[in-house]
Amino acid sequence: MAAQKRSLPPGEQFFTPGATGLRKKVEQRSATPMAYLFTQVPRWIVPVAMVALLLAGFAVQSWLGGVAVLPVIAFVGLLAYLSWPSLTTGGKLLRVVMLTFLVLVAATRFGLISF
């Protein structure tokens, strides 16, 4: 039995109005993979994969733990970058703190810093 495809969520605009340069290129290049990821892949796959990678990063104290955290950093960083124009100051601060924490976790696993 074929899985039903979800439609894109309703919204005013998919891209940032008036975007130019790097933002426009990133939004256009990420549109197809993100649309596929959020409409064709079961909803539980992305959160479960991110949590599994993050837990592996916490549990493994070697460089392998750092490698496990890198996709989480990339995914959270991309989502933060794409949502940045519509965020309040509190939302921006939360994303900066989260990305800083993830980078510190990866850096400790790679042995770049220690606490």
N, C-alpha and C. Protein backbone atom coordinates (compact mmCIF):
# COMPACT_ATOMS: atom_id res chain seq x y z
N MET A 1 0.85 -1.17 0.00
CA MET A 1 0.00 0.00 0.00
C MET A 1 0.89 1.24 0.00
N ALA A 2 0.65 2.15 -0.88
CA ALA A 2 1.46 3.37 -1.00
C ALA A 2 1.14 4.33 0.14
N ALA A 3 2.18 4.96 0.65
CA ALA A 3 2.00 5.94 1.72
C ALA A 3 1.39 7.20 1.15
N GLN A 4 0.51 7.83 1.93
CA GLN A 4 -0.08 9.08 1.48
C GLN A 4 0.93 10.20 1.63
N LYS A 5 0.96 11.09 0.63
CA LYS A 5 1.88 12.21 0.65
C LYS A 5 1.20 13.39 1.34
N ARG A 6 1.95 14.07 2.20
CA ARG A 6 1.43 15.26 2.88
C ARG A 6 1.69 16.47 2.01
N SER A 7 0.82 17.43 2.08
CA SER A 7 1.03 18.68 1.36
C SER A 7 1.85 19.62 2.23
N LEU A 8 2.40 20.66 1.61
CA LEU A 8 3.15 21.66 2.37
C LEU A 8 2.21 22.40 3.29
N PRO A 9 2.70 22.82 4.47
CA PRO A 9 1.84 23.54 5.40
C PRO A 9 1.44 24.90 4.82
N PRO A 10 0.27 25.40 5.22
CA PRO A 10 -0.15 26.71 4.71
C PRO A 10 0.75 27.80 5.28
N GLY A 11 0.96 28.83 4.51
CA GLY A 11 1.79 29.94 4.95
C GLY A 11 1.71 31.06 3.95
N GLU A 12 2.14 32.22 4.37
CA GLU A 12 2.08 33.36 3.49
C GLU A 12 3.09 33.25 2.36
N GLN A 13 4.36 32.96 2.70
CA GLN A 13 5.39 32.84 1.69
C GLN A 13 6.39 31.77 2.11
N PHE A 14 6.92 31.09 1.12
CA PHE A 14 7.91 30.04 1.40
C PHE A 14 9.31 30.62 1.52
N PHE A 15 9.59 31.69 0.77
CA PHE A 15 10.91 32.32 0.80
C PHE A 15 10.83 33.66 1.50
N THR A 16 11.98 34.14 1.98
CA THR A 16 12.05 35.45 2.62
C THR A 16 11.80 36.53 1.57
N PRO A 17 10.83 37.41 1.80
CA PRO A 17 10.56 38.47 0.82
C PRO A 17 11.77 39.38 0.65
N GLY A 18 12.14 39.65 -0.57
CA GLY A 18 13.24 40.57 -0.85
C GLY A 18 14.62 40.01 -0.58
N ALA A 19 14.73 38.71 -0.39
CA ALA A 19 16.03 38.11 -0.10
C ALA A 19 16.94 38.21 -1.32
N THR A 20 18.21 38.48 -1.06
CA THR A 20 19.20 38.55 -2.13
C THR A 20 20.45 37.81 -1.69
N GLY A 21 21.35 37.61 -2.61
CA GLY A 21 22.66 37.04 -2.30
C GLY A 21 22.61 35.65 -1.71
N LEU A 22 23.39 35.47 -0.64
CA LEU A 22 23.55 34.17 -0.01
C LEU A 22 22.23 33.62 0.51
N ARG A 23 21.42 34.44 1.17
CA ARG A 23 20.15 33.97 1.73
C ARG A 23 19.27 33.40 0.62
N LYS A 24 19.17 34.09 -0.49
CA LYS A 24 18.34 33.63 -1.60
C LYS A 24 18.84 32.30 -2.14
N LYS A 25 20.16 32.18 -2.30
CA LYS A 25 20.72 30.93 -2.81
C LYS A 25 20.48 29.77 -1.84
N VAL A 26 20.69 30.01 -0.54
CA VAL A 26 20.49 28.94 0.45
C VAL A 26 19.03 28.54 0.48
N GLU A 27 18.12 29.51 0.48
CA GLU A 27 16.70 29.17 0.50
C GLU A 27 16.28 28.37 -0.74
N GLN A 28 16.78 28.77 -1.91
CA GLN A 28 16.41 28.05 -3.13
C GLN A 28 17.01 26.65 -3.17
N ARG A 29 18.26 26.52 -2.76
CA ARG A 29 18.91 25.20 -2.80
C ARG A 29 18.36 24.25 -1.75
N SER A 30 17.90 24.77 -0.61
CA SER A 30 17.40 23.91 0.45
C SER A 30 15.91 23.62 0.30
N ALA A 31 15.23 24.31 -0.59
CA ALA A 31 13.78 24.15 -0.71
C ALA A 31 13.38 22.72 -1.09
N THR A 32 13.99 22.17 -2.10
CA THR A 32 13.60 20.83 -2.56
C THR A 32 13.91 19.76 -1.52
N PRO A 33 15.16 19.70 -0.98
CA PRO A 33 15.41 18.67 0.03
C PRO A 33 14.56 18.83 1.29
N MET A 34 14.33 20.07 1.71
CA MET A 34 13.52 20.29 2.92
C MET A 34 12.06 19.93 2.65
N ALA A 35 11.54 20.30 1.49
CA ALA A 35 10.17 19.93 1.15
C ALA A 35 10.02 18.42 1.10
N TYR A 36 11.00 17.74 0.51
CA TYR A 36 10.96 16.28 0.47
C TYR A 36 11.03 15.70 1.88
N LEU A 37 11.95 16.21 2.67
CA LEU A 37 12.15 15.70 4.02
C LEU A 37 10.89 15.83 4.87
N PHE A 38 10.22 16.96 4.74
CA PHE A 38 9.07 17.21 5.60
C PHE A 38 7.74 16.78 5.00
N THR A 39 7.72 16.32 3.76
CA THR A 39 6.46 15.86 3.17
C THR A 39 6.46 14.39 2.77
N GLN A 40 7.60 13.83 2.44
CA GLN A 40 7.64 12.46 1.92
C GLN A 40 8.19 11.45 2.91
N VAL A 41 8.93 11.91 3.89
CA VAL A 41 9.52 11.03 4.89
C VAL A 41 8.59 11.02 6.10
N PRO A 42 8.37 9.87 6.72
CA PRO A 42 7.51 9.84 7.91
C PRO A 42 7.96 10.88 8.95
N ARG A 43 7.00 11.51 9.60
CA ARG A 43 7.27 12.61 10.52
C ARG A 43 8.24 12.24 11.64
N TRP A 44 8.23 11.01 12.08
CA TRP A 44 9.03 10.62 13.23
C TRP A 44 10.50 10.40 12.91
N ILE A 45 10.85 10.26 11.63
CA ILE A 45 12.22 9.92 11.24
C ILE A 45 13.22 11.01 11.66
N VAL A 46 12.95 12.25 11.30
CA VAL A 46 13.91 13.33 11.57
C VAL A 46 14.13 13.53 13.06
N PRO A 47 13.08 13.69 13.90
CA PRO A 47 13.34 13.87 15.33
C PRO A 47 14.05 12.68 15.97
N VAL A 48 13.66 11.47 15.57
CA VAL A 48 14.30 10.28 16.15
C VAL A 48 15.77 10.22 15.74
N ALA A 49 16.07 10.52 14.49
CA ALA A 49 17.46 10.49 14.03
C ALA A 49 18.29 11.56 14.75
N MET A 50 17.75 12.76 14.90
CA MET A 50 18.49 13.84 15.57
C MET A 50 18.73 13.51 17.04
N VAL A 51 17.72 12.98 17.72
CA VAL A 51 17.88 12.61 19.13
C VAL A 51 18.88 11.47 19.27
N ALA A 52 18.83 10.48 18.37
CA ALA A 52 19.77 9.36 18.43
C ALA A 52 21.20 9.85 18.23
N LEU A 53 21.41 10.73 17.26
CA LEU A 53 22.75 11.27 17.03
C LEU A 53 23.23 12.11 18.21
N LEU A 54 22.33 12.91 18.77
CA LEU A 54 22.71 13.73 19.92
C LEU A 54 23.04 12.87 21.13
N LEU A 55 22.25 11.85 21.38
CA LEU A 55 22.54 10.94 22.50
C LEU A 55 23.85 10.20 22.28
N ALA A 56 24.11 9.81 21.05
CA ALA A 56 25.40 9.17 20.75
C ALA A 56 26.54 10.14 21.01
N GLY A 57 26.34 11.41 20.65
CA GLY A 57 27.36 12.42 20.92
C GLY A 57 27.62 12.62 22.40
N PHE A 58 26.56 12.54 23.20
CA PHE A 58 26.72 12.66 24.65
C PHE A 58 27.38 11.42 25.25
N ALA A 59 27.01 10.26 24.75
CA ALA A 59 27.47 9.01 25.35
C ALA A 59 28.90 8.64 24.98
N VAL A 60 29.28 8.89 23.75
CA VAL A 60 30.60 8.48 23.26
C VAL A 60 31.59 9.61 23.53
N GLN A 61 32.61 9.33 24.32
CA GLN A 61 33.56 10.35 24.75
C GLN A 61 34.73 10.54 23.79
N SER A 62 34.72 9.85 22.67
CA SER A 62 35.82 9.98 21.71
C SER A 62 35.41 10.87 20.55
N TRP A 63 36.26 10.91 19.54
CA TRP A 63 35.97 11.72 18.36
C TRP A 63 34.73 11.23 17.63
N LEU A 64 34.36 9.96 17.81
CA LEU A 64 33.14 9.45 17.19
C LEU A 64 31.89 10.16 17.72
N GLY A 65 31.93 10.54 18.99
CA GLY A 65 30.84 11.33 19.55
C GLY A 65 30.73 12.69 18.89
N GLY A 66 31.88 13.29 18.58
CA GLY A 66 31.88 14.57 17.87
C GLY A 66 31.33 14.44 16.47
N VAL A 67 31.68 13.36 15.81
CA VAL A 67 31.17 13.12 14.46
C VAL A 67 29.65 12.93 14.50
N ALA A 68 29.14 12.29 15.55
CA ALA A 68 27.69 12.09 15.67
C ALA A 68 26.95 13.41 15.87
N VAL A 69 27.58 14.38 16.51
CA VAL A 69 26.93 15.66 16.78
C VAL A 69 26.96 16.58 15.55
N LEU A 70 27.89 16.39 14.64
CA LEU A 70 28.02 17.29 13.49
C LEU A 70 26.76 17.39 12.62
N PRO A 71 26.07 16.29 12.29
CA PRO A 71 24.82 16.44 11.52
C PRO A 71 23.74 17.21 12.29
N VAL A 72 23.72 17.07 13.60
CA VAL A 72 22.76 17.81 14.42
C VAL A 72 23.07 19.30 14.34
N ILE A 73 24.35 19.65 14.45
CA ILE A 73 24.76 21.05 14.34
C ILE A 73 24.37 21.60 12.96
N ALA A 74 24.62 20.85 11.92
CA ALA A 74 24.29 21.31 10.56
C ALA A 74 22.80 21.50 10.40
N PHE A 75 22.00 20.57 10.87
CA PHE A 75 20.55 20.66 10.72
C PHE A 75 19.97 21.81 11.53
N VAL A 76 20.37 21.91 12.79
CA VAL A 76 19.88 23.00 13.64
C VAL A 76 20.36 24.35 13.11
N GLY A 77 21.60 24.39 12.63
CA GLY A 77 22.13 25.63 12.07
C GLY A 77 21.38 26.06 10.83
N LEU A 78 21.05 25.11 9.95
CA LEU A 78 20.30 25.44 8.74
C LEU A 78 18.90 25.95 9.10
N LEU A 79 18.24 25.26 10.02
CA LEU A 79 16.90 25.71 10.42
C LEU A 79 16.96 27.09 11.09
N ALA A 80 17.99 27.33 11.90
CA ALA A 80 18.14 28.64 12.53
C ALA A 80 18.38 29.72 11.48
N TYR A 81 19.21 29.43 10.51
CA TYR A 81 19.50 30.40 9.45
C TYR A 81 18.25 30.73 8.64
N LEU A 82 17.49 29.71 8.29
CA LEU A 82 16.31 29.92 7.47
C LEU A 82 15.20 30.65 8.23
N SER A 83 15.11 30.44 9.54
CA SER A 83 14.04 31.07 10.30
C SER A 83 14.45 32.42 10.90
N TRP A 84 15.72 32.79 10.80
CA TRP A 84 16.26 33.99 11.45
C TRP A 84 15.46 35.27 11.19
N PRO A 85 15.08 35.58 9.94
CA PRO A 85 14.37 36.85 9.70
C PRO A 85 13.04 36.97 10.43
N SER A 86 12.39 35.86 10.72
CA SER A 86 11.06 35.92 11.34
C SER A 86 11.10 35.76 12.86
N LEU A 87 12.29 35.64 13.45
CA LEU A 87 12.40 35.40 14.88
C LEU A 87 12.41 36.69 15.69
N THR A 88 11.95 36.58 16.93
CA THR A 88 12.08 37.67 17.88
C THR A 88 13.48 37.60 18.49
N THR A 89 13.82 38.57 19.28
CA THR A 89 15.14 38.58 19.93
C THR A 89 15.33 37.35 20.81
N GLY A 90 14.29 36.97 21.53
CA GLY A 90 14.37 35.77 22.37
C GLY A 90 14.62 34.51 21.56
N GLY A 91 13.95 34.39 20.42
CA GLY A 91 14.14 33.22 19.55
C GLY A 91 15.54 33.17 18.98
N LYS A 92 16.06 34.33 18.60
CA LYS A 92 17.42 34.39 18.08
C LYS A 92 18.43 34.00 19.15
N LEU A 93 18.23 34.51 20.36
CA LEU A 93 19.13 34.19 21.47
C LEU A 93 19.11 32.69 21.78
N LEU A 94 17.92 32.11 21.79
CA LEU A 94 17.80 30.67 22.06
C LEU A 94 18.55 29.85 21.02
N ARG A 95 18.47 30.21 19.77
CA ARG A 95 19.18 29.47 18.72
C ARG A 95 20.69 29.63 18.82
N VAL A 96 21.14 30.82 19.16
CA VAL A 96 22.57 31.04 19.34
C VAL A 96 23.08 30.21 20.52
N VAL A 97 22.35 30.20 21.61
CA VAL A 97 22.75 29.41 22.78
C VAL A 97 22.77 27.92 22.45
N MET A 98 21.75 27.45 21.73
CA MET A 98 21.69 26.03 21.38
C MET A 98 22.84 25.63 20.47
N LEU A 99 23.12 26.43 19.47
CA LEU A 99 24.23 26.11 18.56
C LEU A 99 25.57 26.19 19.29
N THR A 100 25.73 27.15 20.19
CA THR A 100 26.97 27.24 20.97
C THR A 100 27.16 25.99 21.82
N PHE A 101 26.08 25.54 22.47
CA PHE A 101 26.15 24.33 23.27
C PHE A 101 26.54 23.12 22.43
N LEU A 102 25.93 22.97 21.25
CA LEU A 102 26.24 21.83 20.39
C LEU A 102 27.67 21.87 19.89
N VAL A 103 28.15 23.06 19.55
CA VAL A 103 29.54 23.19 19.10
C VAL A 103 30.50 22.86 20.25
N LEU A 104 30.16 23.26 21.46
CA LEU A 104 31.01 22.92 22.62
C LEU A 104 31.03 21.42 22.88
N VAL A 105 29.88 20.77 22.72
CA VAL A 105 29.84 19.30 22.89
C VAL A 105 30.75 18.65 21.86
N ALA A 106 30.64 19.07 20.61
CA ALA A 106 31.48 18.49 19.56
C ALA A 106 32.96 18.78 19.83
N ALA A 107 33.27 20.00 20.25
CA ALA A 107 34.66 20.37 20.52
C ALA A 107 35.26 19.54 21.65
N THR A 108 34.47 19.26 22.68
CA THR A 108 35.00 18.42 23.77
C THR A 108 35.23 16.99 23.29
N ARG A 109 34.38 16.49 22.42
CA ARG A 109 34.54 15.12 21.92
C ARG A 109 35.76 15.02 21.00
N PHE A 110 36.06 16.08 20.27
CA PHE A 110 37.25 16.08 19.41
C PHE A 110 38.53 16.40 20.19
N GLY A 111 38.39 16.72 21.47
CA GLY A 111 39.55 17.01 22.30
C GLY A 111 40.09 18.41 22.13
N LEU A 112 39.31 19.30 21.53
CA LEU A 112 39.77 20.66 21.33
C LEU A 112 39.71 21.50 22.60
N ILE A 113 38.74 21.20 23.46
CA ILE A 113 38.62 21.85 24.77
C ILE A 113 38.25 20.79 25.79
N SER A 114 38.47 21.10 27.05
CA SER A 114 38.07 20.18 28.12
C SER A 114 37.57 20.99 29.30
N PHE A 115 36.64 20.39 30.02
CA PHE A 115 36.07 21.05 31.20
C PHE A 115 36.40 20.28 32.43
